[in-house]
Amino acid sequence: MKIGIVGPLDSSKKIAGIMEQYFPQIVAIIYEVSKTEEAYLKIDESEKECDGLIFTGMGVYYKTIEKKDISLPHVYLPFSSSSIMKALWELKERFPDCKNISIDTVNRNEVEDTLEELNINDINIEFMEYNHLYEEKRYIDFHIKAQENKDTCISIIGLGWVYDQVKSQGYPTIRLYSTKSIIKSTIGKLLYKINEVIVKHSNLAVQVIYTKDQENISQYKKLEISSLIESNLIGYLKEIQGSIFSSKWNRFLIFSTRGAVENTQNLISLKNTLSFLKTKDIEIFVGTGLGMTAYESEVSANKALNAAINYASASIFKVENDKIEGPLLDKGELSYNFIMDKDEIDEMAKMIDLNPLYIQKINSIKEKYNKDTFTSDELANYLNVSTRTANRIINKILDHNCGEMIGLETSKSVGRPKKIIKIKFNIN
């Protein structure tokens, strides 16, 4: 198992040494970072090579997630009271007469509690807690200013590059490190996360492949269509190592694993197959179901298939528990819950005379994009319907006081101004 360590070299080497000593099954790969702002540049490379990532501290971690979504299991090393205690012990040994210090990154309460535990009450401390919005230079300036003003005689520093810069200018410093016990505990958490993903990926997945029945076609034509669908799925089946069964001429069941069917490249392969079959006038709908048992997965797959059919275009939908996602790999992809106050949604759908699916989708759009105002064009794009249908939906919403018109969108093109409405479903 390969674990990537992202952070300054000194901290990374310490973590790698502990891995070698206590976790011999792990191969540590160090991705050295000097400044926290540059950590995100290591993610693409590390995700190709590793099974999980450990960040040397919160600074490296938070600056990374500002710019990157991390797909691998990951953890970061916190500074605990034991880290503070170790730094204070070093302070006592190296600078016994120092009574004024500056310290960064750690929580003020943690430091004060540690001092109380050690019965130390004669040290004055300048604090600068960690804030991911601050650049590292701000921490450098904080420590240097404190020492220049004689407010402190020692700086205890948790950020690697800040420590190097302050020390290189001749100021007395102590490096704040995570302790061995914290490192071992954090590595254990990462291994648990990795194993959790492995188990999750091996869960059973069921896919229902379906094309609508056609009237007035011969038995031979049905066999031809069925054969064409199955032959074009062979490449996809090899990629996901799946098994296929035909329940009807126009309906197939595929059994595979979660990890295989959720793999992006495999999804692209399946979507390409759908696109090809559409050129042969065969529109395919796919429902993917995930669950702990074959029965759960198949039930979920049928729910996903119904959503794909309601979408009214060749598409792939996925259901796990009560969460539905789709159309997968389309620009209008959304996720929403089946049981999102279902009774209330059904009641509202009946009152407005709208498909409950539209209400669920609109709620999901509002949450995903933090948006509650729409024009008919925007709503049509999100719901994958015509502008005329979107206008009908808008009028029904307005007529039943579930929204209000807040303006008109004008354009240089000929035509009526478009209503801008604010939707207020008030569903919890």
Protein backbone atom coordinates (compact mmCIF):
# COMPACT_ATOMS: atom_id res chain seq x y z
CA MET A 1 0.00 0.00 0.00
CA LYS A 2 1.36 3.41 -1.01
CA ILE A 3 0.72 6.47 1.16
CA GLY A 4 1.63 9.95 -0.03
CA ILE A 5 2.96 12.45 2.52
CA VAL A 6 2.38 16.07 1.51
CA GLY A 7 4.21 18.83 3.36
CA PRO A 8 7.59 20.23 4.42
CA LEU A 9 10.51 17.80 4.24
CA ASP A 10 11.32 17.71 7.97
CA SER A 11 7.77 16.75 9.00
CA SER A 12 7.41 14.37 6.04
CA LYS A 13 10.59 12.49 6.98
CA LYS A 14 9.40 12.11 10.56
CA ILE A 15 6.07 10.63 9.39
CA ALA A 16 7.84 8.34 6.90
CA GLY A 17 10.15 7.08 9.66
CA ILE A 18 7.20 6.21 11.90
CA MET A 19 5.48 4.44 8.99
CA GLU A 20 8.60 2.35 8.38
CA GLN A 21 8.90 1.45 12.07
CA TYR A 22 5.26 0.73 12.95
CA PHE A 23 3.49 0.14 9.62
CA PRO A 24 5.80 -2.05 7.50
CA GLN A 25 3.00 -2.74 4.98
CA ILE A 26 3.09 0.92 3.91
CA VAL A 27 5.37 2.38 1.25
CA ALA A 28 5.75 6.10 2.00
CA ILE A 29 6.12 8.55 -0.89
CA ILE A 30 7.10 12.10 0.08
CA TYR A 31 5.75 15.05 -1.92
CA GLU A 32 7.83 17.89 -0.57
CA VAL A 33 6.15 21.27 -0.19
CA SER A 34 7.85 24.34 1.23
CA LYS A 35 4.99 26.88 1.09
CA THR A 36 1.47 25.74 1.98
CA GLU A 37 0.07 27.74 -0.96
CA GLU A 38 1.88 25.38 -3.35
CA ALA A 39 0.61 22.10 -1.86
CA TYR A 40 -2.27 21.71 -4.33
CA LEU A 41 0.27 21.36 -7.16
CA LYS A 42 1.24 17.91 -5.80
CA ILE A 43 -2.26 16.41 -5.78
CA ASP A 44 -2.62 15.24 -9.38
CA GLU A 45 0.70 13.40 -9.26
CA SER A 46 0.09 11.88 -5.83
CA GLU A 47 -3.42 10.66 -6.69
CA LYS A 48 -2.03 8.68 -9.63
CA GLU A 49 0.57 6.94 -7.44
CA CYS A 50 -1.00 6.47 -4.01
CA ASP A 51 -3.84 4.78 -2.15
CA GLY A 52 -4.20 7.57 0.39
CA LEU A 53 -2.71 10.91 1.44
CA ILE A 54 -1.54 12.32 4.74
CA PHE A 55 -0.96 16.07 5.04
CA THR A 56 1.67 17.17 7.54
CA GLY A 57 -0.56 19.83 9.06
CA MET A 58 -3.73 21.85 8.78
CA GLY A 59 -1.99 24.64 6.84
CA VAL A 60 -0.99 22.34 3.99
CA TYR A 61 -4.38 20.64 4.05
CA TYR A 62 -6.64 23.71 4.05
CA LYS A 63 -4.63 25.50 1.36
CA THR A 64 -4.96 22.37 -0.79
CA ILE A 65 -8.72 21.92 -0.50
CA GLU A 66 -9.20 25.60 -1.38
CA LYS A 67 -8.08 24.75 -4.91
CA LYS A 68 -8.47 20.98 -5.30
CA ASP A 69 -11.07 18.31 -4.70
CA ILE A 70 -9.19 15.33 -3.25
CA SER A 71 -10.58 12.00 -4.45
CA LEU A 72 -8.33 9.72 -2.35
CA PRO A 73 -8.88 8.95 1.34
CA HIS A 74 -6.91 11.57 3.26
CA VAL A 75 -6.13 12.96 6.72
CA TYR A 76 -4.05 15.75 8.19
CA LEU A 77 -1.93 15.82 11.34
CA PRO A 78 -3.35 18.04 14.06
CA PHE A 79 -1.37 19.80 16.76
CA SER A 80 -2.59 18.49 20.10
CA SER A 81 -1.82 19.36 23.70
CA SER A 82 1.06 16.85 23.53
CA SER A 83 2.63 18.90 20.69
CA ILE A 84 2.37 22.06 22.78
CA MET A 85 3.75 20.26 25.85
CA LYS A 86 6.75 19.04 23.85
CA ALA A 87 7.48 22.58 22.58
CA LEU A 88 7.22 24.02 26.10
CA TRP A 89 9.59 21.34 27.39
CA GLU A 90 12.12 22.31 24.72
CA LEU A 91 11.63 25.96 25.70
CA LYS A 92 12.44 25.12 29.33
CA GLU A 93 15.59 23.21 28.34
CA ARG A 94 16.98 25.63 25.75
CA PHE A 95 15.74 28.99 27.06
CA PRO A 96 15.06 28.57 30.80
CA ASP A 97 14.90 32.32 31.44
CA CYS A 98 12.44 33.13 28.63
CA LYS A 99 9.08 34.38 29.91
CA ASN A 100 7.66 35.88 26.71
CA ILE A 101 6.86 33.81 23.61
CA SER A 102 4.93 34.07 20.35
CA ILE A 103 3.13 31.03 19.00
CA ASP A 104 1.12 30.36 15.85
CA THR A 105 -1.29 27.80 14.39
CA VAL A 106 -2.53 26.27 17.66
CA ASN A 107 -5.72 27.12 19.50
CA ARG A 108 -5.36 29.60 22.37
CA ASN A 109 -7.46 27.47 24.73
CA GLU A 110 -5.30 24.40 24.05
CA VAL A 111 -2.17 26.33 25.03
CA GLU A 112 -3.71 27.85 28.15
CA ASP A 113 -5.07 24.47 29.27
CA THR A 114 -1.63 22.90 28.78
CA LEU A 115 0.07 25.65 30.80
CA GLU A 116 -2.48 25.11 33.57
CA GLU A 117 -1.83 21.35 33.55
CA LEU A 118 1.90 22.00 33.87
CA ASN A 119 1.30 24.59 36.59
CA ILE A 120 3.12 27.24 34.53
CA ASN A 121 1.74 30.73 35.16
CA ASP A 122 4.69 33.05 34.56
CA ILE A 123 4.83 32.98 30.73
CA ASN A 124 3.31 35.74 28.59
CA ILE A 125 2.14 34.61 25.16
CA GLU A 126 1.37 36.40 21.87
CA PHE A 127 -1.04 34.26 19.82
CA MET A 128 -1.79 34.01 16.12
CA GLU A 129 -4.19 31.14 15.54
CA TYR A 130 -4.40 29.47 12.14
CA ASN A 131 -6.65 31.08 9.53
CA HIS A 132 -6.66 29.56 6.03
CA LEU A 133 -7.32 33.02 4.55
CA TYR A 134 -3.94 34.33 5.78
CA GLU A 135 -0.83 34.09 3.61
CA GLU A 136 2.24 32.63 5.31
CA LYS A 137 4.05 35.96 5.15
CA ARG A 138 1.55 37.29 7.66
CA TYR A 139 2.81 34.74 10.21
CA ILE A 140 6.43 35.66 9.48
CA ASP A 141 5.64 39.33 10.07
CA PHE A 142 3.79 38.46 13.29
CA HIS A 143 6.78 36.61 14.82
CA ILE A 144 9.42 39.09 13.67
CA LYS A 145 7.40 42.08 14.87
CA ALA A 146 6.90 40.41 18.27
CA GLN A 147 10.65 39.82 18.62
CA GLU A 148 11.64 43.26 17.29
CA ASN A 149 9.31 44.94 19.77
CA LYS A 150 10.83 42.82 22.56
CA ASP A 151 7.35 41.42 23.24
CA THR A 152 8.80 37.93 22.92
CA CYS A 153 12.18 36.29 23.13
CA ILE A 154 11.25 32.97 21.44
CA SER A 155 8.87 32.09 18.59
CA ILE A 156 7.17 28.67 18.57
CA ILE A 157 6.16 27.99 14.97
CA GLY A 158 3.96 25.30 13.43
CA LEU A 159 4.27 26.21 9.73
CA GLY A 160 7.41 24.79 8.11
CA TRP A 161 8.22 27.56 5.65
CA VAL A 162 7.48 30.25 8.26
CA TYR A 163 9.84 28.50 10.68
CA ASP A 164 12.62 28.36 8.07
CA GLN A 165 12.22 32.04 7.16
CA VAL A 166 12.16 33.34 10.75
CA LYS A 167 15.08 31.13 11.79
CA SER A 168 17.15 32.11 8.73
CA GLN A 169 16.92 35.74 9.83
CA GLY A 170 18.60 34.89 13.11
CA TYR A 171 15.61 34.90 15.45
CA PRO A 172 15.42 32.19 18.15
CA THR A 173 12.75 29.65 17.22
CA ILE A 174 11.24 26.32 18.26
CA ARG A 175 9.50 24.08 15.73
CA LEU A 176 6.06 22.82 16.68
CA TYR A 177 5.68 19.17 15.61
CA SER A 178 2.97 16.56 15.92
CA THR A 179 4.07 13.90 18.40
CA LYS A 180 4.71 10.24 17.61
CA SER A 181 1.46 9.13 19.28
CA ILE A 182 -0.61 11.59 17.21
CA ILE A 183 1.16 10.52 14.00
CA LYS A 184 0.53 6.82 14.70
CA SER A 185 -3.12 7.50 15.53
CA THR A 186 -3.61 9.58 12.38
CA ILE A 187 -2.00 6.93 10.16
CA GLY A 188 -4.37 4.39 11.72
CA LYS A 189 -7.36 6.60 10.82
CA LEU A 190 -6.12 6.86 7.24
CA LEU A 191 -5.74 3.06 6.94
CA TYR A 192 -9.31 2.68 8.22
CA LYS A 193 -10.57 5.14 5.58
CA ILE A 194 -8.69 3.31 2.82
CA ASN A 195 -10.08 -0.08 3.88
CA GLU A 196 -13.56 1.46 4.08
CA VAL A 197 -13.25 2.57 0.44
CA ILE A 198 -12.00 -0.87 -0.63
CA VAL A 199 -15.00 -2.55 1.00
CA LYS A 200 -17.37 0.04 -0.43
CA HIS A 201 -15.98 -0.43 -3.95
CA SER A 202 -16.47 -4.18 -3.72
CA ASN A 203 -20.19 -3.81 -2.90
CA LEU A 204 -22.57 -5.28 -5.45
CA ALA A 205 -23.97 -3.02 -8.17
CA VAL A 206 -26.87 -3.82 -10.48
CA GLN A 207 -27.59 -2.01 -13.74
CA VAL A 208 -30.84 -2.25 -15.69
CA ILE A 209 -30.42 -1.59 -19.41
CA TYR A 210 -33.72 -0.83 -21.12
CA THR A 211 -35.13 0.35 -24.44
CA LYS A 212 -38.79 1.15 -24.85
CA ASP A 213 -41.07 -1.42 -26.41
CA GLN A 214 -42.09 -0.68 -29.97
CA GLU A 215 -45.46 -1.47 -31.46
CA ASN A 216 -45.89 -3.27 -34.73
CA ILE A 217 -42.40 -4.70 -35.02
CA SER A 218 -41.77 -8.31 -35.82
CA GLN A 219 -40.24 -10.90 -33.54
CA TYR A 220 -37.21 -10.97 -35.83
CA LYS A 221 -36.74 -7.19 -35.45
CA LYS A 222 -36.90 -7.54 -31.69
CA LEU A 223 -34.19 -10.21 -31.83
CA GLU A 224 -32.09 -7.97 -34.06
CA ILE A 225 -32.37 -5.02 -31.66
CA SER A 226 -31.69 -7.23 -28.64
CA SER A 227 -28.62 -8.74 -30.29
CA LEU A 228 -27.31 -5.30 -31.29
CA ILE A 229 -27.66 -3.97 -27.73
CA GLU A 230 -25.94 -7.00 -26.17
CA SER A 231 -23.07 -7.08 -28.70
CA ASN A 232 -22.34 -3.38 -28.17
CA LEU A 233 -22.23 -3.85 -24.40
CA ILE A 234 -19.48 -6.49 -24.61
CA GLY A 235 -16.62 -3.98 -24.40
CA TYR A 236 -18.20 -2.28 -21.39
CA LEU A 237 -18.81 -5.64 -19.69
CA LYS A 238 -15.13 -6.55 -20.06
CA GLU A 239 -14.09 -3.26 -18.47
CA ILE A 240 -16.35 -3.71 -15.43
CA GLN A 241 -15.92 -7.52 -15.33
CA GLY A 242 -19.69 -7.77 -15.26
CA SER A 243 -22.25 -10.47 -15.99
CA ILE A 244 -25.30 -9.78 -18.18
CA PHE A 245 -28.70 -11.47 -18.20
CA SER A 246 -31.66 -10.81 -20.45
CA SER A 247 -35.10 -10.77 -18.78
CA LYS A 248 -36.92 -9.54 -21.92
CA TRP A 249 -35.83 -8.67 -25.44
CA ASN A 250 -35.61 -5.00 -24.44
CA ARG A 251 -34.40 -5.33 -20.82
CA PHE A 252 -31.04 -6.53 -19.49
CA LEU A 253 -29.57 -6.90 -16.01
CA ILE A 254 -25.84 -6.36 -15.42
CA PHE A 255 -24.13 -7.44 -12.18
CA SER A 256 -20.79 -5.93 -11.21
CA THR A 257 -19.13 -4.02 -8.33
CA ARG A 258 -19.61 -0.48 -7.17
CA GLY A 259 -16.01 0.48 -7.87
CA ALA A 260 -16.28 -0.72 -11.46
CA VAL A 261 -19.55 0.97 -12.39
CA GLU A 262 -18.60 4.26 -10.69
CA ASN A 263 -15.21 4.44 -12.44
CA THR A 264 -15.26 7.53 -14.66
CA GLN A 265 -13.65 5.85 -17.67
CA ASN A 266 -16.15 3.00 -17.49
CA LEU A 267 -19.01 5.48 -17.28
CA ILE A 268 -17.70 7.25 -20.38
CA SER A 269 -17.52 3.91 -22.17
CA LEU A 270 -21.16 3.15 -21.29
CA LYS A 271 -22.30 6.63 -22.34
CA ASN A 272 -20.47 6.26 -25.66
CA THR A 273 -22.32 2.96 -26.20
CA LEU A 274 -25.63 4.74 -25.60
CA SER A 275 -24.67 7.45 -28.09
CA PHE A 276 -23.73 4.88 -30.74
CA LEU A 277 -26.97 2.92 -30.31
CA LYS A 278 -28.93 6.15 -30.62
CA THR A 279 -27.48 6.55 -34.14
CA LYS A 280 -29.14 3.19 -34.85
CA ASP A 281 -32.48 4.59 -33.60
CA ILE A 282 -32.21 2.60 -30.37
CA GLU A 283 -32.63 4.81 -27.31
CA ILE A 284 -31.21 3.22 -24.17
CA PHE A 285 -32.05 4.09 -20.56
CA VAL A 286 -29.79 2.89 -17.74
CA GLY A 287 -30.56 2.62 -14.05
CA THR A 288 -27.68 1.85 -11.68
CA GLY A 289 -28.53 0.58 -8.21
CA LEU A 290 -26.21 0.29 -5.22
CA GLY A 291 -26.94 -1.62 -2.03
CA MET A 292 -25.62 -4.11 0.51
CA THR A 293 -27.50 -7.02 -1.11
CA ALA A 294 -28.45 -8.03 -4.66
CA TYR A 295 -32.11 -7.36 -3.84
CA GLU A 296 -31.42 -3.83 -2.52
CA SER A 297 -29.27 -3.06 -5.55
CA GLU A 298 -31.90 -4.27 -8.00
CA VAL A 299 -34.68 -2.29 -6.31
CA SER A 300 -32.49 0.83 -6.47
CA ALA A 301 -31.62 0.11 -10.11
CA ASN A 302 -35.33 0.05 -11.03
CA LYS A 303 -35.88 3.39 -9.26
CA ALA A 304 -32.94 4.84 -11.20
CA LEU A 305 -34.31 3.42 -14.44
CA ASN A 306 -37.67 5.13 -13.87
CA ALA A 307 -35.85 8.44 -13.39
CA ALA A 308 -33.93 7.87 -16.65
CA ILE A 309 -37.15 7.11 -18.54
CA ASN A 310 -38.81 10.24 -17.09
CA TYR A 311 -35.79 12.23 -18.24
CA ALA A 312 -37.04 11.35 -21.75
CA SER A 313 -33.62 10.98 -23.35
CA ALA A 314 -30.93 8.29 -23.43
CA SER A 315 -29.30 8.65 -20.02
CA ILE A 316 -27.76 6.99 -16.95
CA PHE A 317 -29.16 7.51 -13.44
CA LYS A 318 -27.91 6.08 -10.15
CA VAL A 319 -29.70 5.37 -6.87
CA GLU A 320 -28.24 4.50 -3.48
CA ASN A 321 -30.57 4.29 -0.49
CA ASP A 322 -32.86 7.26 -1.12
CA LYS A 323 -30.42 9.43 -3.04
CA ILE A 324 -30.69 9.73 -6.80
CA GLU A 325 -28.02 11.16 -9.12
CA GLY A 326 -28.24 11.88 -12.79
CA PRO A 327 -28.18 12.16 -15.66
CA LEU A 328 -24.58 11.04 -15.06
CA LEU A 329 -21.91 12.81 -17.14
CA ASP A 330 -24.47 15.34 -18.44
CA LYS A 331 -24.13 19.05 -17.76
CA GLY A 332 -27.49 18.99 -15.98
CA GLU A 333 -26.40 16.29 -13.50
CA LEU A 334 -28.05 16.67 -10.11
CA SER A 335 -28.54 14.72 -6.93
CA TYR A 336 -31.61 14.75 -4.71
CA ASN A 337 -33.45 12.58 -2.20
CA PHE A 338 -36.55 10.48 -2.83
CA ILE A 339 -37.74 10.86 0.76
CA MET A 340 -37.22 14.62 0.94
CA ASP A 341 -40.53 15.26 2.73
CA LYS A 342 -42.22 12.99 0.21
CA ASP A 343 -45.77 13.49 1.50
CA GLU A 344 -45.38 17.25 1.38
CA ILE A 345 -43.88 17.09 -2.12
CA ASP A 346 -46.70 14.85 -3.36
CA GLU A 347 -49.29 17.18 -1.83
CA MET A 348 -47.65 20.22 -3.40
CA ALA A 349 -47.31 18.47 -6.76
CA LYS A 350 -51.03 17.65 -6.70
CA MET A 351 -51.96 21.20 -5.74
CA ILE A 352 -49.81 22.81 -8.45
CA ASP A 353 -50.52 20.03 -10.96
CA LEU A 354 -46.79 19.37 -11.46
CA ASN A 355 -44.78 16.17 -11.71
CA PRO A 356 -43.20 15.58 -8.25
CA LEU A 357 -39.89 14.96 -10.03
CA TYR A 358 -39.85 18.62 -11.16
CA ILE A 359 -40.28 19.78 -7.57
CA GLN A 360 -37.48 17.49 -6.38
CA LYS A 361 -35.19 18.69 -9.16
CA ILE A 362 -35.91 22.38 -8.55
CA ASN A 363 -35.21 21.90 -4.83
CA SER A 364 -31.95 20.16 -5.70
CA ILE A 365 -30.94 22.98 -8.08
CA LYS A 366 -31.65 25.56 -5.37
CA GLU A 367 -29.41 23.70 -2.91
CA LYS A 368 -26.61 22.87 -5.38
CA TYR A 369 -26.26 26.36 -6.88
CA ASN A 370 -27.56 28.38 -3.91
CA LYS A 371 -30.01 29.91 -6.34
CA ASP A 372 -33.76 30.55 -6.09
CA THR A 373 -34.39 32.93 -9.01
CA PHE A 374 -34.85 31.66 -12.56
CA THR A 375 -35.89 32.69 -16.05
CA SER A 376 -37.78 30.25 -18.24
CA ASP A 377 -34.62 29.58 -20.29
CA GLU A 378 -32.61 28.75 -17.17
CA LEU A 379 -35.31 26.48 -15.80
CA ALA A 380 -35.68 24.74 -19.17
CA ASN A 381 -31.93 24.09 -19.24
CA TYR A 382 -31.84 22.73 -15.68
CA LEU A 383 -34.93 20.51 -16.11
CA ASN A 384 -34.08 19.42 -19.65
CA VAL A 385 -37.44 20.57 -21.01
CA SER A 386 -38.49 23.03 -23.71
CA THR A 387 -38.81 26.74 -22.92
CA ARG A 388 -42.56 26.43 -23.54
CA THR A 389 -42.80 23.65 -20.91
CA ALA A 390 -40.68 25.73 -18.50
CA ASN A 391 -43.07 28.66 -18.97
CA ARG A 392 -46.01 26.41 -18.14
CA ILE A 393 -44.21 25.25 -14.97
CA ILE A 394 -43.48 28.86 -14.02
CA ASN A 395 -47.09 29.93 -14.56
CA LYS A 396 -48.37 27.07 -12.39
CA ILE A 397 -45.89 28.00 -9.64
CA LEU A 398 -47.00 31.66 -9.77
CA ASP A 399 -50.71 30.82 -9.96
CA HIS A 400 -50.48 28.79 -6.74
CA ASN A 401 -48.41 31.35 -4.80
CA CYS A 402 -45.34 29.12 -4.67
CA GLY A 403 -43.21 31.82 -6.24
CA GLU A 404 -43.22 35.49 -7.15
CA MET A 405 -42.17 37.47 -10.18
CA ILE A 406 -39.35 39.81 -9.21
CA GLY A 407 -38.50 41.29 -12.59
CA LEU A 408 -38.27 40.99 -16.35
CA GLU A 409 -35.20 40.06 -18.37
CA THR A 410 -34.93 42.11 -21.53
CA SER A 411 -32.67 41.39 -24.47
CA LYS A 412 -31.79 42.98 -27.77
CA SER A 413 -33.48 40.15 -29.65
CA VAL A 414 -37.10 40.37 -30.72
CA GLY A 415 -39.63 38.84 -28.36
CA ARG A 416 -41.35 39.29 -25.07
CA PRO A 417 -39.27 40.03 -21.97
CA LYS A 418 -38.75 36.88 -19.89
CA LYS A 419 -40.13 36.66 -16.37
CA ILE A 420 -37.63 36.33 -13.54
CA ILE A 421 -39.27 34.41 -10.73
CA LYS A 422 -38.26 33.55 -7.20
CA ILE A 423 -39.38 30.03 -6.27
CA LYS A 424 -40.54 29.45 -2.68
CA PHE A 425 -41.58 25.85 -2.16
CA ASN A 426 -40.85 26.01 1.61
CA ILE A 427 -39.96 22.31 1.79
CA ASN A 428 -37.69 21.32 4.67
